[in-house]
Amino acid sequence: MRGLRKYLTPFAPDQSGAVSVLYELDGIVVICDAGGCTGNICGFDEPRWHERRSAVFSAGLRDMDAILGRDDKLVGELADAAAKIDARFAAIVGTPVPSVIGTDYRALRRMAERRGTLPVITIDTTGMELYDVGAEKAYRALFDRFATEAHPVEQGRIGVLGANPLDLSTASADALRAALPGAVCYGMGSSFDDVLRASSAEKNVVVAPSGIAAAKLLEKRFSTPYEVFDPRVAAGTLLGDALDALPAGARVLVVAQQVTANSLRALLRERGAQVSCATWFLRKPELAEEGDLRLTEEDDFAELVRDGGFDAIIGDPVLFDIVPQYAGIRIDLPEFPLSGHLNTAGHEGAQ
């Protein structure tokens, strides 16, 4: 039945992805809502919330404040917060309400900067897209506004775009730095100063589709080249020796975010496997091959497995609950957006 989910929970929306990118950068992040969206972000969608605090606030808009467009109230509260918190910037993140009433984010940014002391970025998330769309908007807004000065290029310095807990995991930053000496994972174990010095990177590596727009911006602005791949795959830290169980010539289905799936496909093809890729999330046409799929329903996955004749499936453990009849090789690759802490605790390649 289309639209029926018996195993998968609702996926994190775009405002959660935007907050995930900004969470560690010493900014004041204001969710333009009455409180509900902020509660979901901090309570469910942000895995670092119980381990590391960040200045994430709800605008606390009442119904009439939102309907009447009381931007002056939001601006005043942001200015008050900026006077009390040692922050480097402020970000206003959209939700369904400002989307419905047509909030003018450009005007809101100008008002906030005139009233306060911090530079402000606005992210026009709507709550209607998935987390990776919001992460993509946040990366681009962040680097467009703050990565403006050309610094001398530092040999060996590698900028990593797309490394956030929803696209990868909280453990992934250490694995990425181990695989890429000199890596700076923007938004995970890095600082706002690293964003300001983005032009000093010798190259950028994009590890998730959400980082591509920012990589293109930095290439255009500073001529910084970029590559798209998941370094953990080649380093063997993502799945360990699990792939050794695959027979020669195996038909394999990889279900993961697009960059990780593509990197696994390249590795498996070197071993002689026939590989198909699918994702539940952002799918960039320039990264896709013919036959790659974007999944939206549980039935889509069930039909793909039923008709695909796959010898092995690599994906989040919760996916195998959808196809209990599958008798092939199962290789777990947890994704936080699919199963959260349920399947991902302690896994090197996931949350």
Protein backbone atom coordinates (compact mmCIF):
# COMPACT_ATOMS: atom_id res chain seq x y z
CA MET A 1 0.00 0.00 0.00
CA ARG A 2 1.47 3.33 -1.07
CA GLY A 3 2.27 5.64 1.82
CA LEU A 4 2.02 2.92 4.46
CA ARG A 5 5.09 2.51 6.66
CA LYS A 6 5.29 -0.40 9.05
CA TYR A 7 9.04 -0.38 9.70
CA LEU A 8 10.52 2.99 8.76
CA THR A 9 9.91 6.03 10.93
CA PRO A 10 9.43 9.53 9.44
CA PHE A 11 12.74 10.89 8.17
CA ALA A 12 14.32 14.04 9.58
CA PRO A 13 13.16 17.19 7.73
CA ASP A 14 15.28 19.87 6.10
CA GLN A 15 15.48 22.18 9.12
CA SER A 16 17.13 19.35 11.07
CA GLY A 17 19.78 18.96 8.40
CA ALA A 18 20.51 22.69 8.45
CA VAL A 19 20.95 22.67 12.23
CA SER A 20 23.22 19.62 11.98
CA VAL A 21 25.65 21.53 9.75
CA LEU A 22 25.74 24.59 12.03
CA TYR A 23 25.66 22.82 15.39
CA GLU A 24 29.38 22.95 16.30
CA LEU A 25 30.33 26.29 14.75
CA ASP A 26 29.75 28.62 17.73
CA GLY A 27 26.75 30.35 16.26
CA ILE A 28 23.30 31.21 17.56
CA VAL A 29 20.81 29.09 15.63
CA VAL A 30 17.20 30.29 15.76
CA ILE A 31 14.48 27.94 14.55
CA CYS A 32 11.65 30.11 13.27
CA ASP A 33 8.82 28.20 14.94
CA ALA A 34 6.59 28.08 18.00
CA GLY A 35 8.66 25.37 19.67
CA GLY A 36 7.55 22.11 18.14
CA CYS A 37 10.15 21.87 15.39
CA THR A 38 12.95 22.77 17.79
CA GLY A 39 11.82 20.07 20.20
CA ASN A 40 11.94 17.46 17.43
CA ILE A 41 15.39 18.60 16.29
CA CYS A 42 16.95 18.54 19.75
CA GLY A 43 15.05 15.53 21.04
CA PHE A 44 15.26 13.20 18.06
CA ASP A 45 17.20 14.45 15.02
CA GLU A 46 20.41 15.81 16.54
CA PRO A 47 22.49 12.93 18.00
CA ARG A 48 24.95 15.32 19.67
CA TRP A 49 22.30 17.09 21.76
CA HIS A 50 22.78 14.94 24.87
CA GLU A 51 26.58 15.04 24.60
CA ARG A 52 27.43 18.56 23.47
CA ARG A 53 25.42 21.72 23.94
CA SER A 54 24.88 24.33 21.26
CA ALA A 55 23.02 27.64 21.16
CA VAL A 56 19.93 26.34 19.37
CA PHE A 57 16.76 28.29 20.18
CA SER A 58 13.14 28.37 19.17
CA ALA A 59 11.81 31.74 18.08
CA GLY A 60 8.82 30.93 20.32
CA LEU A 61 6.35 32.56 17.94
CA ARG A 62 2.72 32.34 18.97
CA ASP A 63 0.08 31.71 16.29
CA MET A 64 -0.74 35.39 15.86
CA ASP A 65 2.95 36.37 15.87
CA ALA A 66 3.54 34.06 12.96
CA ILE A 67 0.36 34.95 11.09
CA LEU A 68 0.96 38.69 11.43
CA GLY A 69 4.65 38.38 10.56
CA ARG A 70 5.98 39.78 13.83
CA ASP A 71 9.56 39.79 12.59
CA ASP A 72 10.39 42.62 14.97
CA LYS A 73 9.81 40.32 17.93
CA LEU A 74 12.15 37.67 16.57
CA VAL A 75 14.80 40.28 15.76
CA GLY A 76 14.59 41.76 19.23
CA GLU A 77 14.97 38.40 20.94
CA LEU A 78 17.91 37.50 18.71
CA ALA A 79 19.64 40.78 19.54
CA ASP A 80 19.08 40.09 23.25
CA ALA A 81 20.55 36.59 22.94
CA ALA A 82 23.55 37.90 21.00
CA ALA A 83 24.32 40.31 23.84
CA LYS A 84 24.45 37.43 26.34
CA ILE A 85 26.14 34.66 24.34
CA ASP A 86 29.67 34.61 22.99
CA ALA A 87 28.81 33.69 19.39
CA ARG A 88 30.47 34.28 16.02
CA PHE A 89 27.35 34.52 13.88
CA ALA A 90 23.62 33.90 13.93
CA ALA A 91 21.47 31.75 11.68
CA ILE A 92 17.70 31.86 11.21
CA VAL A 93 16.32 28.53 10.01
CA GLY A 94 12.92 28.24 8.39
CA THR A 95 10.07 25.83 9.17
CA PRO A 96 6.61 25.24 7.64
CA VAL A 97 5.01 28.35 9.19
CA PRO A 98 7.31 31.01 7.65
CA SER A 99 7.15 29.05 4.43
CA VAL A 100 3.36 29.21 4.34
CA ILE A 101 3.16 32.93 5.17
CA GLY A 102 5.97 33.84 2.75
CA THR A 103 8.56 35.23 5.17
CA ASP A 104 11.06 37.54 3.47
CA TYR A 105 14.33 36.06 4.72
CA ARG A 106 16.49 38.70 3.05
CA ALA A 107 14.63 41.47 4.85
CA LEU A 108 14.76 39.48 8.08
CA ARG A 109 18.53 39.17 7.79
CA ARG A 110 18.96 42.92 7.18
CA MET A 111 16.74 43.77 10.16
CA ALA A 112 18.63 41.39 12.43
CA GLU A 113 22.03 42.75 11.44
CA ARG A 114 20.94 46.37 11.92
CA ARG A 115 19.55 45.60 15.38
CA GLY A 116 22.29 43.28 16.61
CA THR A 117 26.06 42.88 16.48
CA LEU A 118 26.43 39.54 14.68
CA PRO A 119 26.53 38.67 10.99
CA VAL A 120 23.41 36.69 10.10
CA ILE A 121 22.60 34.01 7.57
CA THR A 122 19.11 32.79 6.79
CA ILE A 123 18.21 29.33 5.51
CA ASP A 124 14.86 29.03 3.78
CA THR A 125 14.03 25.48 4.82
CA THR A 126 10.34 24.61 4.69
CA GLY A 127 9.94 21.41 6.70
CA MET A 128 8.63 19.76 3.52
CA GLU A 129 11.97 18.37 2.28
CA LEU A 130 14.31 15.83 3.84
CA TYR A 131 17.31 16.59 6.03
CA ASP A 132 19.89 16.56 3.23
CA VAL A 133 18.20 19.38 1.34
CA GLY A 134 18.47 21.54 4.46
CA ALA A 135 22.09 20.50 4.98
CA GLU A 136 22.86 21.46 1.39
CA LYS A 137 21.30 24.90 1.87
CA ALA A 138 23.17 25.42 5.14
CA TYR A 139 26.58 24.50 3.69
CA ARG A 140 26.05 26.83 0.76
CA ALA A 141 24.76 29.75 2.85
CA LEU A 142 27.61 29.34 5.33
CA PHE A 143 30.42 29.37 2.77
CA ASP A 144 28.77 31.95 0.53
CA ARG A 145 28.61 34.42 3.41
CA PHE A 146 31.78 33.71 5.35
CA ALA A 147 34.34 32.09 3.04
CA THR A 148 35.08 35.29 1.15
CA GLU A 149 38.77 36.00 1.75
CA ALA A 150 41.48 34.37 -0.34
CA HIS A 151 44.15 32.82 1.93
CA PRO A 152 47.39 31.17 0.83
CA VAL A 153 46.84 27.54 -0.08
CA GLU A 154 48.25 25.15 2.52
CA GLN A 155 49.67 21.98 1.00
CA GLY A 156 48.08 18.92 2.52
CA ARG A 157 45.04 20.76 3.90
CA ILE A 158 41.85 19.05 2.71
CA GLY A 159 38.38 20.44 3.26
CA VAL A 160 35.67 17.82 3.81
CA LEU A 161 32.12 18.77 2.85
CA GLY A 162 29.03 16.73 3.70
CA ALA A 163 30.37 15.29 6.96
CA ASN A 164 27.47 15.72 9.38
CA PRO A 165 25.91 13.16 11.73
CA LEU A 166 22.83 12.67 9.56
CA ASP A 167 24.72 12.06 6.32
CA LEU A 168 27.44 10.00 8.01
CA SER A 169 27.74 9.69 11.81
CA THR A 170 29.27 11.34 14.84
CA ALA A 171 32.09 8.79 14.69
CA SER A 172 32.83 9.47 11.03
CA ALA A 173 34.95 12.61 11.56
CA ASP A 174 37.71 10.61 13.26
CA ALA A 175 37.55 7.95 10.53
CA LEU A 176 37.72 10.59 7.82
CA ARG A 177 40.70 12.32 9.41
CA ALA A 178 42.46 8.95 9.73
CA ALA A 179 41.84 8.20 6.06
CA LEU A 180 42.70 11.75 4.93
CA PRO A 181 45.57 13.26 6.93
CA GLY A 182 45.13 17.01 6.99
CA ALA A 183 41.34 16.79 6.64
CA VAL A 184 39.13 19.54 8.06
CA CYS A 185 35.58 18.23 8.45
CA TYR A 186 33.48 21.40 8.32
CA GLY A 187 30.90 21.28 11.10
CA MET A 188 32.26 18.16 12.80
CA GLY A 189 35.34 18.70 14.93
CA SER A 190 36.16 21.96 13.15
CA SER A 191 35.66 25.61 14.02
CA PHE A 192 34.11 28.70 12.52
CA ASP A 193 37.65 29.90 11.78
CA ASP A 194 38.08 26.86 9.53
CA VAL A 195 35.10 28.07 7.51
CA LEU A 196 36.64 31.54 7.22
CA ARG A 197 39.87 29.94 5.96
CA ALA A 198 38.18 27.56 3.50
CA SER A 199 40.19 29.03 0.62
CA SER A 200 43.41 27.69 2.17
CA ALA A 201 42.46 24.09 1.37
CA GLU A 202 44.51 22.40 -1.31
CA LYS A 203 41.38 20.55 -2.40
CA ASN A 204 37.94 19.65 -1.10
CA VAL A 205 36.49 16.17 -0.73
CA VAL A 206 32.72 15.79 -0.88
CA VAL A 207 31.52 12.82 1.19
CA ALA A 208 27.75 13.31 0.79
CA PRO A 209 25.50 14.91 -1.85
CA SER A 210 24.67 17.75 0.54
CA GLY A 211 28.22 19.11 0.14
CA ILE A 212 28.34 19.39 -3.64
CA ALA A 213 26.76 22.86 -3.98
CA ALA A 214 29.26 24.35 -1.51
CA ALA A 215 32.16 22.59 -3.25
CA LYS A 216 31.10 24.11 -6.57
CA LEU A 217 30.85 27.54 -4.96
CA LEU A 218 34.38 27.27 -3.53
CA GLU A 219 35.71 26.02 -6.84
CA LYS A 220 34.19 29.00 -8.64
CA ARG A 221 35.30 31.53 -6.02
CA PHE A 222 38.82 30.27 -5.24
CA SER A 223 39.51 27.65 -7.96
CA THR A 224 39.67 24.97 -5.26
CA PRO A 225 39.30 21.56 -6.96
CA TYR A 226 37.09 18.93 -5.43
CA GLU A 227 36.59 15.17 -5.56
CA VAL A 228 33.48 13.19 -4.65
CA PHE A 229 34.08 9.94 -2.72
CA ASP A 230 33.89 8.38 0.74
CA PRO A 231 37.47 7.90 2.03
CA ARG A 232 36.32 5.39 4.66
CA VAL A 233 35.54 2.86 1.95
CA ALA A 234 39.06 2.70 0.52
CA ALA A 235 40.52 2.81 4.05
CA GLY A 236 38.45 -0.21 5.06
CA THR A 237 36.99 1.47 8.15
CA LEU A 238 33.37 1.50 6.96
CA LEU A 239 32.57 -2.20 6.73
CA GLY A 240 35.81 -3.83 7.86
CA ASP A 241 36.24 -7.27 6.32
CA ALA A 242 32.49 -7.85 5.79
CA LEU A 243 32.88 -7.62 2.01
CA ASP A 244 35.18 -10.65 2.04
CA ALA A 245 32.07 -12.82 2.46
CA LEU A 246 30.88 -11.96 -1.04
CA PRO A 247 31.43 -14.60 -3.73
CA ALA A 248 33.08 -13.68 -7.03
CA GLY A 249 30.63 -12.18 -9.52
CA ALA A 250 27.97 -11.59 -6.89
CA ARG A 251 24.98 -9.38 -7.66
CA VAL A 252 24.97 -6.77 -4.88
CA LEU A 253 22.45 -4.09 -3.90
CA VAL A 254 23.87 -1.13 -1.95
CA VAL A 255 21.35 1.08 -0.15
CA ALA A 256 23.06 4.14 1.32
CA GLN A 257 23.51 7.87 0.83
CA GLN A 258 24.66 8.41 -2.72
CA VAL A 259 28.38 9.16 -2.29
CA THR A 260 28.97 6.26 0.08
CA ALA A 261 26.99 3.94 -2.22
CA ASN A 262 29.02 5.03 -5.25
CA SER A 263 32.31 4.47 -3.42
CA LEU A 264 31.22 1.00 -2.38
CA ARG A 265 30.15 0.27 -5.94
CA ALA A 266 33.58 1.20 -7.28
CA LEU A 267 35.31 -1.04 -4.73
CA LEU A 268 32.98 -3.97 -5.33
CA ARG A 269 33.40 -3.73 -9.10
CA GLU A 270 37.14 -4.02 -8.65
CA ARG A 271 36.37 -7.35 -6.96
CA GLY A 272 34.22 -8.49 -9.86
CA ALA A 273 30.77 -7.84 -8.39
CA GLN A 274 27.72 -6.55 -10.26
CA VAL A 275 26.38 -3.64 -8.25
CA SER A 276 23.11 -1.69 -8.12
CA CYS A 277 22.68 1.39 -5.93
CA ALA A 278 19.63 2.93 -4.28
CA THR A 279 19.04 5.65 -1.72
CA TRP A 280 16.18 7.04 0.31
CA PHE A 281 17.69 10.51 0.23
CA LEU A 282 19.23 13.19 -1.99
CA ARG A 283 20.15 11.85 -5.43
CA LYS A 284 22.29 14.03 -7.66
CA PRO A 285 21.91 13.24 -11.40
CA GLU A 286 25.61 13.88 -12.04
CA LEU A 287 26.50 11.15 -9.54
CA ALA A 288 23.95 8.62 -10.73
CA GLU A 289 24.32 5.74 -13.15
CA GLU A 290 21.58 4.28 -15.28
CA GLY A 291 19.41 2.07 -13.11
CA ASP A 292 20.15 3.84 -9.82
CA LEU A 293 17.00 4.33 -7.79
CA ARG A 294 15.55 6.84 -5.35
CA LEU A 295 13.34 4.94 -2.89
CA THR A 296 10.28 6.60 -1.38
CA GLU A 297 8.08 3.74 -0.16
CA GLU A 298 8.70 0.52 1.73
CA ASP A 299 7.02 -1.23 -1.19
CA ASP A 300 9.67 0.22 -3.52
CA PHE A 301 12.37 -1.57 -1.57
CA ALA A 302 10.40 -4.80 -1.25
CA GLU A 303 9.77 -4.89 -5.02
CA LEU A 304 13.42 -4.10 -5.78
CA VAL A 305 14.60 -7.01 -3.63
CA ARG A 306 11.93 -9.38 -4.92
CA ASP A 307 12.71 -8.73 -8.59
CA GLY A 308 16.45 -8.01 -8.41
CA GLY A 309 17.90 -11.46 -7.80
CA PHE A 310 20.57 -10.04 -5.49
CA ASP A 311 23.10 -12.37 -3.87
CA ALA A 312 23.84 -9.74 -1.21
CA ILE A 313 22.32 -6.54 0.16
CA ILE A 314 24.29 -3.83 1.98
CA GLY A 315 22.06 -1.50 3.97
CA ASP A 316 20.64 -0.46 7.32
CA PRO A 317 19.51 -3.42 9.45
CA VAL A 318 15.97 -2.06 9.67
CA LEU A 319 15.58 -2.58 5.91
CA PHE A 320 15.80 -6.34 6.32
CA ASP A 321 12.64 -6.24 8.45
CA ILE A 322 10.81 -5.13 5.29
CA VAL A 323 11.99 -8.24 3.39
CA PRO A 324 12.08 -11.09 5.96
CA GLN A 325 11.92 -13.59 3.12
CA TYR A 326 15.29 -12.48 1.70
CA ALA A 327 17.73 -15.40 2.01
CA GLY A 328 20.92 -13.88 0.59
CA ILE A 329 23.93 -12.34 2.32
CA ARG A 330 23.09 -9.40 4.57
CA ILE A 331 25.74 -6.80 5.35
CA ASP A 332 24.77 -4.13 7.86
CA LEU A 333 25.51 -0.50 6.97
CA PRO A 334 23.54 1.55 9.53
CA GLU A 335 22.19 4.98 8.53
CA PHE A 336 21.16 7.30 11.34
CA PRO A 337 18.27 8.85 9.32
CA LEU A 338 16.75 5.38 8.92
CA SER A 339 17.10 3.81 12.36
CA GLY A 340 18.73 6.36 14.68
CA HIS A 341 20.44 4.90 17.74
CA LEU A 342 18.47 1.66 17.39
CA ASN A 343 20.99 0.01 15.06
CA THR A 344 23.86 2.45 14.93
CA ALA A 345 25.30 2.64 18.45
CA GLY A 346 28.93 1.62 18.46
CA HIS A 347 29.17 1.10 14.70
CA GLU A 348 32.30 2.64 13.21
CA GLY A 349 30.59 3.61 9.99
CA ALA A 350 27.43 5.04 11.51
CA GLN A 351 26.01 6.77 14.53
